[in-house]
Amino acid sequence: MTEPPLLSREEVLRIKLELLQREHRDLDDAIAALDGGGRADQLTLRRLKKRKLMLKDQITRISDEITPDIIA
């Protein structure tokens, strides 16, 4: 029996990055829809925005890990 090929660490990080970016975009759309309606629950909006900021931090961290800054 053959084993499926394993992904490299960078490939796993790129997949995770894509998922986080997609969730970030979805949250952005949800926040805009709730805020645009004018009847948004402020607590829900705050929670969504906090989650969005947390995702942005994770996206930045993973992006930096994939392509680190090289000081020349």
PDB file of N, CA and C in Angstrom:
ATOM      1  N   MET A   1       0.830  -1.174   0.000  1.00  0.00           N
ATOM      2  CA  MET A   1       0.000   0.000   0.000  1.00  0.00           C
ATOM      3  C   MET A   1       0.884   1.250   0.000  1.00  0.00           C
ATOM      4  N   THR A   2       0.529   2.230  -0.799  1.00  0.00           N
ATOM      5  CA  THR A   2       1.330   3.452  -0.839  1.00  0.00           C
ATOM      6  C   THR A   2       0.696   4.515   0.051  1.00  0.00           C
ATOM      7  N   GLU A   3       1.568   5.280   0.684  1.00  0.00           N
ATOM      8  CA  GLU A   3       1.101   6.362   1.541  1.00  0.00           C
ATOM      9  C   GLU A   3       0.924   7.619   0.712  1.00  0.00           C
ATOM     10  N   PRO A   4      -0.049   8.441   1.074  1.00  0.00           N
ATOM     11  CA  PRO A   4      -0.210   9.702   0.334  1.00  0.00           C
ATOM     12  C   PRO A   4       0.988  10.609   0.603  1.00  0.00           C
ATOM     13  N   PRO A   5       1.329  11.445  -0.360  1.00  0.00           N
ATOM     14  CA  PRO A   5       2.482  12.335  -0.159  1.00  0.00           C
ATOM     15  C   PRO A   5       2.205  13.325   0.976  1.00  0.00           C
ATOM     16  N   LEU A   6       3.235  13.588   1.759  1.00  0.00           N
ATOM     17  CA  LEU A   6       3.115  14.532   2.862  1.00  0.00           C
ATOM     18  C   LEU A   6       3.398  15.944   2.360  1.00  0.00           C
ATOM     19  N   LEU A   7       2.707  16.904   2.946  1.00  0.00           N
ATOM     20  CA  LEU A   7       2.923  18.294   2.578  1.00  0.00           C
ATOM     21  C   LEU A   7       4.088  18.868   3.374  1.00  0.00           C
ATOM     22  N   SER A   8       4.807  19.765   2.747  1.00  0.00           N
ATOM     23  CA  SER A   8       5.887  20.432   3.465  1.00  0.00           C
ATOM     24  C   SER A   8       5.283  21.459   4.427  1.00  0.00           C
ATOM     25  N   ARG A   9       6.100  21.920   5.346  1.00  0.00           N
ATOM     26  CA  ARG A   9       5.632  22.914   6.325  1.00  0.00           C
ATOM     27  C   ARG A   9       5.154  24.180   5.618  1.00  0.00           C
ATOM     28  N   GLU A  10       5.878  24.596   4.592  1.00  0.00           N
ATOM     29  CA  GLU A  10       5.496  25.805   3.863  1.00  0.00           C
ATOM     30  C   GLU A  10       4.149  25.624   3.162  1.00  0.00           C
ATOM     31  N   GLU A  11       3.910  24.456   2.599  1.00  0.00           N
ATOM     32  CA  GLU A  11       2.629  24.198   1.937  1.00  0.00           C
ATOM     33  C   GLU A  11       1.472  24.243   2.939  1.00  0.00           C
ATOM     34  N   VAL A  12       1.703  23.676   4.114  1.00  0.00           N
ATOM     35  CA  VAL A  12       0.680  23.698   5.159  1.00  0.00           C
ATOM     36  C   VAL A  12       0.400  25.138   5.585  1.00  0.00           C
ATOM     37  N   LEU A  13       1.461  25.938   5.742  1.00  0.00           N
ATOM     38  CA  LEU A  13       1.294  27.337   6.130  1.00  0.00           C
ATOM     39  C   LEU A  13       0.546  28.124   5.051  1.00  0.00           C
ATOM     40  N   ARG A  14       0.841  27.841   3.798  1.00  0.00           N
ATOM     41  CA  ARG A  14       0.152  28.545   2.705  1.00  0.00           C
ATOM     42  C   ARG A  14      -1.340  28.205   2.674  1.00  0.00           C
ATOM     43  N   ILE A  15      -1.665  26.949   2.936  1.00  0.00           N
ATOM     44  CA  ILE A  15      -3.075  26.537   2.982  1.00  0.00           C
ATOM     45  C   ILE A  15      -3.781  27.220   4.149  1.00  0.00           C
ATOM     46  N   LYS A  16      -3.134  27.218   5.304  1.00  0.00           N
ATOM     47  CA  LYS A  16      -3.710  27.872   6.485  1.00  0.00           C
ATOM     48  C   LYS A  16      -3.885  29.369   6.235  1.00  0.00           C
ATOM     49  N   LEU A  17      -2.905  29.976   5.588  1.00  0.00           N
ATOM     50  CA  LEU A  17      -2.975  31.394   5.261  1.00  0.00           C
ATOM     51  C   LEU A  17      -4.177  31.685   4.368  1.00  0.00           C
ATOM     52  N   GLU A  18      -4.390  30.862   3.376  1.00  0.00           N
ATOM     53  CA  GLU A  18      -5.526  31.030   2.470  1.00  0.00           C
ATOM     54  C   GLU A  18      -6.850  30.938   3.224  1.00  0.00           C
ATOM     55  N   LEU A  19      -6.958  29.981   4.127  1.00  0.00           N
ATOM     56  CA  LEU A  19      -8.183  29.828   4.911  1.00  0.00           C
ATOM     57  C   LEU A  19      -8.428  31.033   5.822  1.00  0.00           C
ATOM     58  N   LEU A  20      -7.361  31.516   6.459  1.00  0.00           N
ATOM     59  CA  LEU A  20      -7.494  32.677   7.331  1.00  0.00           C
ATOM     60  C   LEU A  20      -7.887  33.923   6.546  1.00  0.00           C
ATOM     61  N   GLN A  21      -7.309  34.097   5.366  1.00  0.00           N
ATOM     62  CA  GLN A  21      -7.639  35.252   4.528  1.00  0.00           C
ATOM     63  C   GLN A  21      -9.099  35.185   4.076  1.00  0.00           C
ATOM     64  N   ARG A  22      -9.564  33.991   3.758  1.00  0.00           N
ATOM     65  CA  ARG A  22     -10.962  33.821   3.340  1.00  0.00           C
ATOM     66  C   ARG A  22     -11.908  34.159   4.499  1.00  0.00           C
ATOM     67  N   GLU A  23     -11.581  33.668   5.696  1.00  0.00           N
ATOM     68  CA  GLU A  23     -12.411  33.974   6.862  1.00  0.00           C
ATOM     69  C   GLU A  23     -12.398  35.480   7.161  1.00  0.00           C
ATOM     70  N   HIS A  24     -11.240  36.112   6.990  1.00  0.00           N
ATOM     71  CA  HIS A  24     -11.115  37.556   7.216  1.00  0.00           C
ATOM     72  C   HIS A  24     -12.021  38.323   6.251  1.00  0.00           C
ATOM     73  N   ARG A  25     -12.017  37.923   4.975  1.00  0.00           N
ATOM     74  CA  ARG A  25     -12.881  38.570   3.977  1.00  0.00           C
ATOM     75  C   ARG A  25     -14.360  38.355   4.313  1.00  0.00           C
ATOM     76  N   ASP A  26     -14.701  37.132   4.730  1.00  0.00           N
ATOM     77  CA  ASP A  26     -16.086  36.831   5.085  1.00  0.00           C
ATOM     78  C   ASP A  26     -16.546  37.678   6.276  1.00  0.00           C
ATOM     79  N   LEU A  27     -15.669  37.833   7.267  1.00  0.00           N
ATOM     80  CA  LEU A  27     -16.001  38.671   8.413  1.00  0.00           C
ATOM     81  C   LEU A  27     -16.179  40.124   7.986  1.00  0.00           C
ATOM     82  N   ASP A  28     -15.336  40.576   7.090  1.00  0.00           N
ATOM     83  CA  ASP A  28     -15.444  41.942   6.583  1.00  0.00           C
ATOM     84  C   ASP A  28     -16.811  42.154   5.930  1.00  0.00           C
ATOM     85  N   ASP A  29     -17.235  41.191   5.126  1.00  0.00           N
ATOM     86  CA  ASP A  29     -18.548  41.277   4.476  1.00  0.00           C
ATOM     87  C   ASP A  29     -19.675  41.244   5.504  1.00  0.00           C
ATOM     88  N   ALA A  30     -19.553  40.389   6.508  1.00  0.00           N
ATOM     89  CA  ALA A  30     -20.583  40.278   7.542  1.00  0.00           C
ATOM     90  C   ALA A  30     -20.693  41.574   8.347  1.00  0.00           C
ATOM     91  N   ILE A  31     -19.541  42.149   8.691  1.00  0.00           N
ATOM     92  CA  ILE A  31     -19.539  43.405   9.447  1.00  0.00           C
ATOM     93  C   ILE A  31     -20.176  44.520   8.624  1.00  0.00           C
ATOM     94  N   ALA A  32     -19.836  44.589   7.350  1.00  0.00           N
ATOM     95  CA  ALA A  32     -20.405  45.623   6.479  1.00  0.00           C
ATOM     96  C   ALA A  32     -21.918  45.453   6.344  1.00  0.00           C
ATOM     97  N   ALA A  33     -22.371  44.202   6.231  1.00  0.00           N
ATOM     98  CA  ALA A  33     -23.804  43.946   6.096  1.00  0.00           C
ATOM     99  C   ALA A  33     -24.553  44.324   7.374  1.00  0.00           C
ATOM    100  N   LEU A  34     -23.998  43.963   8.511  1.00  0.00           N
ATOM    101  CA  LEU A  34     -24.645  44.297   9.781  1.00  0.00           C
ATOM    102  C   LEU A  34     -24.634  45.799  10.031  1.00  0.00           C
ATOM    103  N   ASP A  35     -23.513  46.421   9.749  1.00  0.00           N
ATOM    104  CA  ASP A  35     -23.364  47.848   9.999  1.00  0.00           C
ATOM    105  C   ASP A  35     -24.200  48.666   9.019  1.00  0.00           C
ATOM    106  N   GLY A  36     -24.306  48.188   7.806  1.00  0.00           N
ATOM    107  CA  GLY A  36     -25.068  48.903   6.784  1.00  0.00           C
ATOM    108  C   GLY A  36     -26.562  48.872   7.027  1.00  0.00           C
ATOM    109  N   GLY A  37     -27.034  47.851   7.718  1.00  0.00           N
ATOM    110  CA  GLY A  37     -28.462  47.734   7.988  1.00  0.00           C
ATOM    111  C   GLY A  37     -28.957  48.739   9.002  1.00  0.00           C
ATOM    112  N   GLY A  38     -28.053  49.254   9.834  1.00  0.00           N
ATOM    113  CA  GLY A  38     -28.441  50.239  10.823  1.00  0.00           C
ATOM    114  C   GLY A  38     -29.048  49.665  12.083  1.00  0.00           C
ATOM    115  N   ARG A  39     -29.336  48.363  12.077  1.00  0.00           N
ATOM    116  CA  ARG A  39     -29.952  47.751  13.252  1.00  0.00           C
ATOM    117  C   ARG A  39     -29.009  46.753  13.909  1.00  0.00           C
ATOM    118  N   ALA A  40     -27.734  46.956  13.738  1.00  0.00           N
ATOM    119  CA  ALA A  40     -26.743  45.992  14.216  1.00  0.00           C
ATOM    120  C   ALA A  40     -26.617  46.031  15.735  1.00  0.00           C
ATOM    121  N   ASP A  41     -26.457  44.864  16.303  1.00  0.00           N
ATOM    122  CA  ASP A  41     -26.178  44.734  17.726  1.00  0.00           C
ATOM    123  C   ASP A  41     -24.713  45.122  17.938  1.00  0.00           C
ATOM    124  N   GLN A  42     -24.477  46.121  18.763  1.00  0.00           N
ATOM    125  CA  GLN A  42     -23.123  46.637  18.953  1.00  0.00           C
ATOM    126  C   GLN A  42     -22.184  45.595  19.555  1.00  0.00           C
ATOM    127  N   LEU A  43     -22.689  44.764  20.430  1.00  0.00           N
ATOM    128  CA  LEU A  43     -21.856  43.720  21.028  1.00  0.00           C
ATOM    129  C   LEU A  43     -21.413  42.714  19.968  1.00  0.00           C
ATOM    130  N   THR A  44     -22.321  42.337  19.097  1.00  0.00           N
ATOM    131  CA  THR A  44     -21.982  41.406  18.009  1.00  0.00           C
ATOM    132  C   THR A  44     -20.957  42.032  17.082  1.00  0.00           C
ATOM    133  N   LEU A  45     -21.163  43.300  16.740  1.00  0.00           N
ATOM    134  CA  LEU A  45     -20.200  43.986  15.872  1.00  0.00           C
ATOM    135  C   LEU A  45     -18.819  44.028  16.511  1.00  0.00           C
ATOM    136  N   ARG A  46     -18.765  44.333  17.800  1.00  0.00           N
ATOM    137  CA  ARG A  46     -17.470  44.382  18.490  1.00  0.00           C
ATOM    138  C   ARG A  46     -16.783  43.020  18.478  1.00  0.00           C
ATOM    139  N   ARG A  47     -17.559  41.975  18.702  1.00  0.00           N
ATOM    140  CA  ARG A  47     -16.980  40.622  18.703  1.00  0.00           C
ATOM    141  C   ARG A  47     -16.443  40.250  17.327  1.00  0.00           C
ATOM    142  N   LEU A  48     -17.208  40.576  16.292  1.00  0.00           N
ATOM    143  CA  LEU A  48     -16.758  40.280  14.934  1.00  0.00           C
ATOM    144  C   LEU A  48     -15.491  41.061  14.589  1.00  0.00           C
ATOM    145  N   LYS A  49     -15.450  42.321  14.978  1.00  0.00           N
ATOM    146  CA  LYS A  49     -14.268  43.139  14.697  1.00  0.00           C
ATOM    147  C   LYS A  49     -13.054  42.631  15.472  1.00  0.00           C
ATOM    148  N   LYS A  50     -13.268  42.185  16.699  1.00  0.00           N
ATOM    149  CA  LYS A  50     -12.169  41.633  17.490  1.00  0.00           C
ATOM    150  C   LYS A  50     -11.640  40.355  16.845  1.00  0.00           C
ATOM    151  N   ARG A  51     -12.542  39.509  16.369  1.00  0.00           N
ATOM    152  CA  ARG A  51     -12.141  38.273  15.689  1.00  0.00           C
ATOM    153  C   ARG A  51     -11.374  38.612  14.409  1.00  0.00           C
ATOM    154  N   LYS A  52     -11.839  39.629  13.696  1.00  0.00           N
ATOM    155  CA  LYS A  52     -11.177  40.045  12.460  1.00  0.00           C
ATOM    156  C   LYS A  52      -9.750  40.523  12.735  1.00  0.00           C
ATOM    157  N   LEU A  53      -9.561  41.293  13.818  1.00  0.00           N
ATOM    158  CA  LEU A  53      -8.216  41.743  14.184  1.00  0.00           C
ATOM    159  C   LEU A  53      -7.315  40.568  14.567  1.00  0.00           C
ATOM    160  N   MET A  54      -7.872  39.597  15.268  1.00  0.00           N
ATOM    161  CA  MET A  54      -7.105  38.416  15.648  1.00  0.00           C
ATOM    162  C   MET A  54      -6.662  37.641  14.397  1.00  0.00           C
ATOM    163  N   LEU A  55      -7.569  37.535  13.438  1.00  0.00           N
ATOM    164  CA  LEU A  55      -7.227  36.860  12.183  1.00  0.00           C
ATOM    165  C   LEU A  55      -6.126  37.620  11.444  1.00  0.00           C
ATOM    166  N   LYS A  56      -6.224  38.941  11.441  1.00  0.00           N
ATOM    167  CA  LYS A  56      -5.211  39.763  10.762  1.00  0.00           C
ATOM    168  C   LYS A  56      -3.837  39.536  11.380  1.00  0.00           C
ATOM    169  N   ASP A  57      -3.781  39.429  12.712  1.00  0.00           N
ATOM    170  CA  ASP A  57      -2.509  39.150  13.390  1.00  0.00           C
ATOM    171  C   ASP A  57      -1.959  37.780  12.985  1.00  0.00           C
ATOM    172  N   GLN A  58      -2.833  36.777  12.913  1.00  0.00           N
ATOM    173  CA  GLN A  58      -2.395  35.445  12.501  1.00  0.00           C
ATOM    174  C   GLN A  58      -1.913  35.449  11.055  1.00  0.00           C
ATOM    175  N   ILE A  59      -2.622  36.166  10.194  1.00  0.00           N
ATOM    176  CA  ILE A  59      -2.237  36.266   8.787  1.00  0.00           C
ATOM    177  C   ILE A  59      -0.853  36.895   8.663  1.00  0.00           C
ATOM    178  N   THR A  60      -0.623  37.960   9.411  1.00  0.00           N
ATOM    179  CA  THR A  60       0.670  38.638   9.381  1.00  0.00           C
ATOM    180  C   THR A  60       1.778  37.722   9.870  1.00  0.00           C
ATOM    181  N   ARG A  61       1.522  37.008  10.957  1.00  0.00           N
ATOM    182  CA  ARG A  61       2.531  36.113  11.530  1.00  0.00           C
ATOM    183  C   ARG A  61       2.897  34.996  10.549  1.00  0.00           C
ATOM    184  N   ILE A  62       1.891  34.395   9.931  1.00  0.00           N
ATOM    185  CA  ILE A  62       2.153  33.312   8.985  1.00  0.00           C
ATOM    186  C   ILE A  62       2.841  33.850   7.730  1.00  0.00           C
ATOM    187  N   SER A  63       2.423  35.005   7.241  1.00  0.00           N
ATOM    188  CA  SER A  63       3.063  35.613   6.069  1.00  0.00           C
ATOM    189  C   SER A  63       4.535  35.884   6.344  1.00  0.00           C
ATOM    190  N   ASP A  64       4.830  36.395   7.536  1.00  0.00           N
ATOM    191  CA  ASP A  64       6.214  36.657   7.905  1.00  0.00           C
ATOM    192  C   ASP A  64       7.024  35.368   8.019  1.00  0.00           C
ATOM    193  N   GLU A  65       6.375  34.306   8.460  1.00  0.00           N
ATOM    194  CA  GLU A  65       7.069  33.021   8.580  1.00  0.00           C
ATOM    195  C   GLU A  65       7.380  32.431   7.202  1.00  0.00           C
ATOM    196  N   ILE A  66       6.470  32.631   6.260  1.00  0.00           N
ATOM    197  CA  ILE A  66       6.679  32.106   4.911  1.00  0.00           C
ATOM    198  C   ILE A  66       7.758  32.907   4.185  1.00  0.00           C
ATOM    199  N   THR A  67       7.666  34.239   4.284  1.00  0.00           N
ATOM    200  CA  THR A  67       8.644  35.101   3.622  1.00  0.00           C
ATOM    201  C   THR A  67       9.271  36.046   4.660  1.00  0.00           C
ATOM    202  N   PRO A  68      10.279  35.583   5.381  1.00  0.00           N
ATOM    203  CA  PRO A  68      10.877  36.418   6.415  1.00  0.00           C
ATOM    204  C   PRO A  68      11.638  37.604   5.803  1.00  0.00           C
ATOM    205  N   ASP A  69      11.730  38.679   6.584  1.00  0.00           N
ATOM    206  CA  ASP A  69      12.511  39.838   6.154  1.00  0.00           C
ATOM    207  C   ASP A  69      13.981  39.474   6.144  1.00  0.00           C
ATOM    208  N   ILE A  70      14.648  39.839   5.079  1.00  0.00           N
ATOM    209  CA  ILE A  70      16.087  39.592   4.976  1.00  0.00           C
ATOM    210  C   ILE A  70      16.794  40.934   5.019  1.00  0.00           C
ATOM    211  N   ILE A  71      17.586  41.116   6.032  1.00  0.00           N
ATOM    212  CA  ILE A  71      18.315  42.371   6.173  1.00  0.00           C
ATOM    213  C   ILE A  71      19.622  42.236   5.394  1.00  0.00           C
ATOM    214  N   ALA A  72      19.779  43.091   4.401  1.00  0.00           N
ATOM    215  CA  ALA A  72      20.960  42.995   3.546  1.00  0.00           C
ATOM    216  C   ALA A  72      22.072  43.887   4.058  1.00  0.00           C
TER     217      ALA A  72
END
